[in-house]
Amino acid sequence: MSTDSRGDWFQDTVTEPPADAGGKAFARLHRAFLSARAVLGLVLVAAQLIAVSLAAQVASSTLGLSLSYAALALAWRLWVPRARTVAPRQFARLSSPHWWAAVGLDVLLFGVLNLLDSSGVNYGALFVMPVLMAAVLSPRRLALATAAMATLWLLAAAGWSVLRGLDVGLRMTQAGLVGSGLFAVSLLAGELSARLAREERTARGSMALARQQEQLNRLVIDEMQQGVLVVDRGGLVRAINPAARELIGAPGGDAVPRWPLRSRPDWQPLADALERAHAQGGRAEMDVSLPQDGGVSRSLRLRLRFTRQRAGSEDLCVLFLEDNRELLARTRQEKLAAMGRVSAGIAHEIRNPLAAIAQANALLSEDVAGSRAEQLTAMITSNVQRLKRLVDDVAEVAPGLQPVMQRLDASALVREAAADWARLHGLTLGGRFVVEIAAEGLMVLFDAEHLRRVLVNLLDNALRHSPDQPGAVRLQLAPRAESVLLVVGSLGPPVPPEVEKYLFEPFFSTRSRGSGLGLYICRELCERHGARIDYRRAADAPANEFCVLLRTPTPDPA
């Protein structure tokens, strides 16, 4: 690095200029100095004309030089914006045309004005402009050289006054003082411009780091599976990531959202939670329920965190959203993984002995036919079948099984499965059991046997908890936006809250002889096929309903 470098824009641009190194600030300063030169030229001409109007003695050569300087300064100022942006390195050497057009011309013309002046006007103050311009736009050595050139012109004018018989002492003193001031201006302006350039580089580097950090933060937040929502105190959404958009059903496409939480009725629980958190005055955690399409609500776990309040800063709240179904799903997956590790052993260790017990019991029942022991063999047969069903249920939800997605006519499959189930339980369609299919040809994506298993499990559960009266068990199938809704309902009292939260948990049952796997299997099969199942209390009847939202296949391209 050259010794002329003083930590300003020339430090990085003389030998290896980076993109936009000092470019914007340098260009602004360059244009400002050119504007000042143009104004100075006009003021100089105006002063000459005023002197002429007042009958003062003004040399024609002085007026001509002033007019020439003003014209050149204006022309150069008007041409520069149309030309390519001037780089700092173009003012870093004495041979540069840009340096001579902006600085050297001023030194030359102002020096000639000093030599030609015969009216006693001191034009030495005009040298401040080129010296200041060189100090800010050029390296230190060239700036000091400019001040030296101006001082030499002043001394030359003072020497020329000797030949004209003027007071040489006064002129020399003035030249020395003005020259010393020009050197001081050059040094001070150079240091100030160096500090400006260093601060600009620091700010530019900090801005680059801030933008990089912002991009990293945005990337991390956008890829988070957890929903993130930034809301101000008035409930206006300031930022939202894709996961939160999906969880609350927010519109997409707006890079910077500006809509209030109270703009939609289904977001009212979020707005109420925000108000409660503000009232508590600190972080909070709570569960809220948001209405969804098809009457199925979505339960969300909220964690609210507030930014630290500072003077003049805005109070913002960050909401972290998680679907409670996903939280429970992770818990179920952990249980399922543990269950899967032993499912193969269960199949081997239990199925084989059960088969042996069943065969031995069959042989024994033939020998004890007609005796009291026949009741005992019947009990053994019943319990063996019960254990076999339990083993089959456990094997049904064993991990590692890939679902077979099929395009199914849900209308036909549900009607057929409902009729078979009604015959098996001795029910008459339209009596205790009612089936309502809104349309024919409702297509869904599911495995046929798995969908039948889900439907049968839900119907069995509804029959067990319904009274013996017409319409006690109701099956409905209807289209929804981009889905098909399957509803199995049964008349009866509402499910107690302490039972509702465990409805889909494995091995949880309110019956002493129940395995507790029926609803759990339904949920596992639905999730494997991209469907959603949930419980709700019917709005139009005293009934409990299990709702399944089934995926529909993508329409074939025309």
Foldseek 3Di string as FASTA:
>chain_A
DDPLDDQFLCVCPQPHHDPPQVQPVLLVLVLVLLVVQLVVLVVQLVVQVVCVVVVHDDDPVLNVLSVVSNVLSVVVSVVQVVDPRDDLNLLADPPRPVLCSRQVVQLVSLLVSLQPDDRPDDSLVSLLSSLLVSLQRYGLVVSVVSLVSSLVSQLVSLVSVVVVVDDSVVSVVVSVVSSVVSNVSSVVSNVVNSVVRNVVVVVVVVVVVVVVVVVVVLVVQQPDCKWKWKAFLQQWTFDTHPNVCVQQVNDDDDHGGGDGLVPDPQSVQVVVVSVVCVVVPAWDWDWDWGADPPRDIWIKIWTKGWDDDDVPDTIMIMIIIDTVVVVVVVVVVVVLQVLLVCLVVCCVVPVVVLVVQLVVLVVVCVVQPPHPCVVVSVVSVVVSVLVVVLSVLSVLSRPPDAFDWDWDFVVVLVVVLVVVLCVVVVHDEQFQEDEEEPDGRQIFIADSVLVSLLVSLLQVVQVVAADRGGPQWYWYWADDVQWIKTKIKGADADDDPVVQVCQQPFQDDPDPSDRRRSNVSNQSRQVSRVKHWHWDQDPPHRMIMIMIITGHDDDDDD
